[in-house]
Amino acid sequence: MRLCELRNKDVINGCDCKILGTVCDIEFDMCTGCIQALIVPGPGRICGLFGRDIEYIIPFKCVKCIGPDAVLVEVNTEKITHKCI
């Protein structure tokens, strides 16, 4: 699978069945070339007009299934939430 095929897929948390957002980027290990994490922008501020406060960095080991339309993960959202700078 190519990055362009992975981008814009919905990310669904299997623990609470909520849509976290869509994949916008990946983090990978430069030495091995392996994917380390998926980066998903969090919910927008005030109706999505003023950017985002947080993003989810989901370790690739938490990815359970990649389908044609969505990525299924099992994560605790409090542990993967990071403040945007």
C-alpha atoms as a PDB file:
ATOM      1  CA  MET A   1       0.000   0.000   0.000  1.00  0.00           C
ATOM      2  CA  ARG A   2       1.216   3.482  -0.809  1.00  0.00           C
ATOM      3  CA  LEU A   3       0.961   6.516   1.432  1.00  0.00           C
ATOM      4  CA  CYS A   4      -1.430   8.161  -1.018  1.00  0.00           C
ATOM      5  CA  GLU A   5      -3.783   5.164  -0.579  1.00  0.00           C
ATOM      6  CA  LEU A   6      -3.544   5.370   3.222  1.00  0.00           C
ATOM      7  CA  ARG A   7      -4.143   9.115   3.450  1.00  0.00           C
ATOM      8  CA  ASN A   8      -7.691  10.349   3.947  1.00  0.00           C
ATOM      9  CA  LYS A   9      -8.969   6.991   5.213  1.00  0.00           C
ATOM     10  CA  ASP A  10     -11.183   7.258   8.288  1.00  0.00           C
ATOM     11  CA  VAL A  11      -9.554   6.030  11.491  1.00  0.00           C
ATOM     12  CA  ILE A  12     -12.011   4.198  13.755  1.00  0.00           C
ATOM     13  CA  ASN A  13     -11.236   3.311  17.353  1.00  0.00           C
ATOM     14  CA  GLY A  14     -12.446  -0.243  18.004  1.00  0.00           C
ATOM     15  CA  CYS A  15     -12.516   0.364  21.774  1.00  0.00           C
ATOM     16  CA  ASP A  16     -15.343   2.915  21.667  1.00  0.00           C
ATOM     17  CA  CYS A  17     -16.396   2.777  17.963  1.00  0.00           C
ATOM     18  CA  LYS A  18     -15.698   6.489  17.434  1.00  0.00           C
ATOM     19  CA  ILE A  19     -14.195   8.018  14.324  1.00  0.00           C
ATOM     20  CA  LEU A  20     -10.976   9.784  15.328  1.00  0.00           C
ATOM     21  CA  GLY A  21     -10.496  11.513  11.996  1.00  0.00           C
ATOM     22  CA  THR A  22      -8.577  10.765   8.817  1.00  0.00           C
ATOM     23  CA  VAL A  23      -4.927   9.844   8.301  1.00  0.00           C
ATOM     24  CA  CYS A  24      -2.990  12.934   7.249  1.00  0.00           C
ATOM     25  CA  ASP A  25       0.607  11.785   7.702  1.00  0.00           C
ATOM     26  CA  ILE A  26       2.844   8.988   8.921  1.00  0.00           C
ATOM     27  CA  GLU A  27       5.928   8.829  11.100  1.00  0.00           C
ATOM     28  CA  PHE A  28       8.575   6.331  10.086  1.00  0.00           C
ATOM     29  CA  ASP A  29      11.996   5.092  11.215  1.00  0.00           C
ATOM     30  CA  MET A  30      14.619   6.403   8.814  1.00  0.00           C
ATOM     31  CA  CYS A  31      17.012   3.518   9.523  1.00  0.00           C
ATOM     32  CA  THR A  32      14.575   0.662   8.870  1.00  0.00           C
ATOM     33  CA  GLY A  33      11.989   2.434   6.716  1.00  0.00           C
ATOM     34  CA  CYS A  34       9.205   0.953   8.873  1.00  0.00           C
ATOM     35  CA  ILE A  35       6.097   2.917   9.807  1.00  0.00           C
ATOM     36  CA  GLN A  36       6.166   3.950  13.477  1.00  0.00           C
ATOM     37  CA  ALA A  37       2.880   5.849  13.796  1.00  0.00           C
ATOM     38  CA  LEU A  38      -0.123   7.294  11.994  1.00  0.00           C
ATOM     39  CA  ILE A  39      -0.847  10.975  12.531  1.00  0.00           C
ATOM     40  CA  VAL A  40      -4.494  12.027  12.653  1.00  0.00           C
ATOM     41  CA  PRO A  41      -5.585  15.652  13.231  1.00  0.00           C
ATOM     42  CA  GLY A  42      -7.934  15.999  16.182  1.00  0.00           C
ATOM     43  CA  PRO A  43     -11.287  17.783  16.233  1.00  0.00           C
ATOM     44  CA  GLY A  44     -11.300  21.421  15.158  1.00  0.00           C
ATOM     45  CA  ARG A  45     -11.806  24.406  17.405  1.00  0.00           C
ATOM     46  CA  ILE A  46     -15.125  26.260  17.233  1.00  0.00           C
ATOM     47  CA  CYS A  47     -16.833  24.585  14.259  1.00  0.00           C
ATOM     48  CA  GLY A  48     -13.450  23.723  12.723  1.00  0.00           C
ATOM     49  CA  LEU A  49     -12.772  27.330  11.720  1.00  0.00           C
ATOM     50  CA  PHE A  50      -9.726  28.112  13.845  1.00  0.00           C
ATOM     51  CA  GLY A  51      -7.401  25.153  13.388  1.00  0.00           C
ATOM     52  CA  ARG A  52      -6.873  22.297  15.792  1.00  0.00           C
ATOM     53  CA  ASP A  53      -5.675  22.042  19.388  1.00  0.00           C
ATOM     54  CA  ILE A  54      -4.619  18.403  19.320  1.00  0.00           C
ATOM     55  CA  GLU A  55      -3.531  15.593  17.068  1.00  0.00           C
ATOM     56  CA  TYR A  56      -3.545  11.861  17.602  1.00  0.00           C
ATOM     57  CA  ILE A  57      -0.262  10.001  17.138  1.00  0.00           C
ATOM     58  CA  ILE A  58      -1.279   6.356  16.885  1.00  0.00           C
ATOM     59  CA  PRO A  59       1.503   3.758  17.226  1.00  0.00           C
ATOM     60  CA  PHE A  60       1.442   1.401  14.248  1.00  0.00           C
ATOM     61  CA  LYS A  61       1.284  -1.598  16.617  1.00  0.00           C
ATOM     62  CA  CYS A  62      -2.234  -0.398  17.578  1.00  0.00           C
ATOM     63  CA  VAL A  63      -3.482  -0.714  13.991  1.00  0.00           C
ATOM     64  CA  LYS A  64      -5.669  -3.835  13.795  1.00  0.00           C
ATOM     65  CA  CYS A  65      -6.909  -3.731  10.216  1.00  0.00           C
ATOM     66  CA  ILE A  66      -6.561  -1.559   7.127  1.00  0.00           C
ATOM     67  CA  GLY A  67      -9.568  -1.829   4.858  1.00  0.00           C
ATOM     68  CA  PRO A  68     -10.520  -0.183   1.567  1.00  0.00           C
ATOM     69  CA  ASP A  69     -12.324   2.694   3.331  1.00  0.00           C
ATOM     70  CA  ALA A  70     -11.077   2.792   6.923  1.00  0.00           C
ATOM     71  CA  VAL A  71      -8.313   1.951   9.368  1.00  0.00           C
ATOM     72  CA  LEU A  72      -9.358   0.099  12.532  1.00  0.00           C
ATOM     73  CA  VAL A  73      -7.263   0.824  15.634  1.00  0.00           C
ATOM     74  CA  GLU A  74      -7.534  -0.040  19.321  1.00  0.00           C
ATOM     75  CA  VAL A  75      -6.228   2.798  21.466  1.00  0.00           C
ATOM     76  CA  ASN A  76      -6.890   4.817  24.597  1.00  0.00           C
ATOM     77  CA  THR A  77      -7.350   8.312  23.144  1.00  0.00           C
ATOM     78  CA  GLU A  78      -5.990   9.974  26.279  1.00  0.00           C
ATOM     79  CA  LYS A  79      -2.611   8.250  25.782  1.00  0.00           C
ATOM     80  CA  ILE A  80      -2.218   9.154  22.100  1.00  0.00           C
ATOM     81  CA  THR A  81      -3.352  12.795  22.252  1.00  0.00           C
ATOM     82  CA  HIS A  82      -0.665  15.423  21.699  1.00  0.00           C
ATOM     83  CA  LYS A  83      -0.947  19.216  21.757  1.00  0.00           C
ATOM     84  CA  CYS A  84      -0.356  20.984  18.463  1.00  0.00           C
ATOM     85  CA  ILE A  85       2.240  23.701  18.564  1.00  0.00           C
END
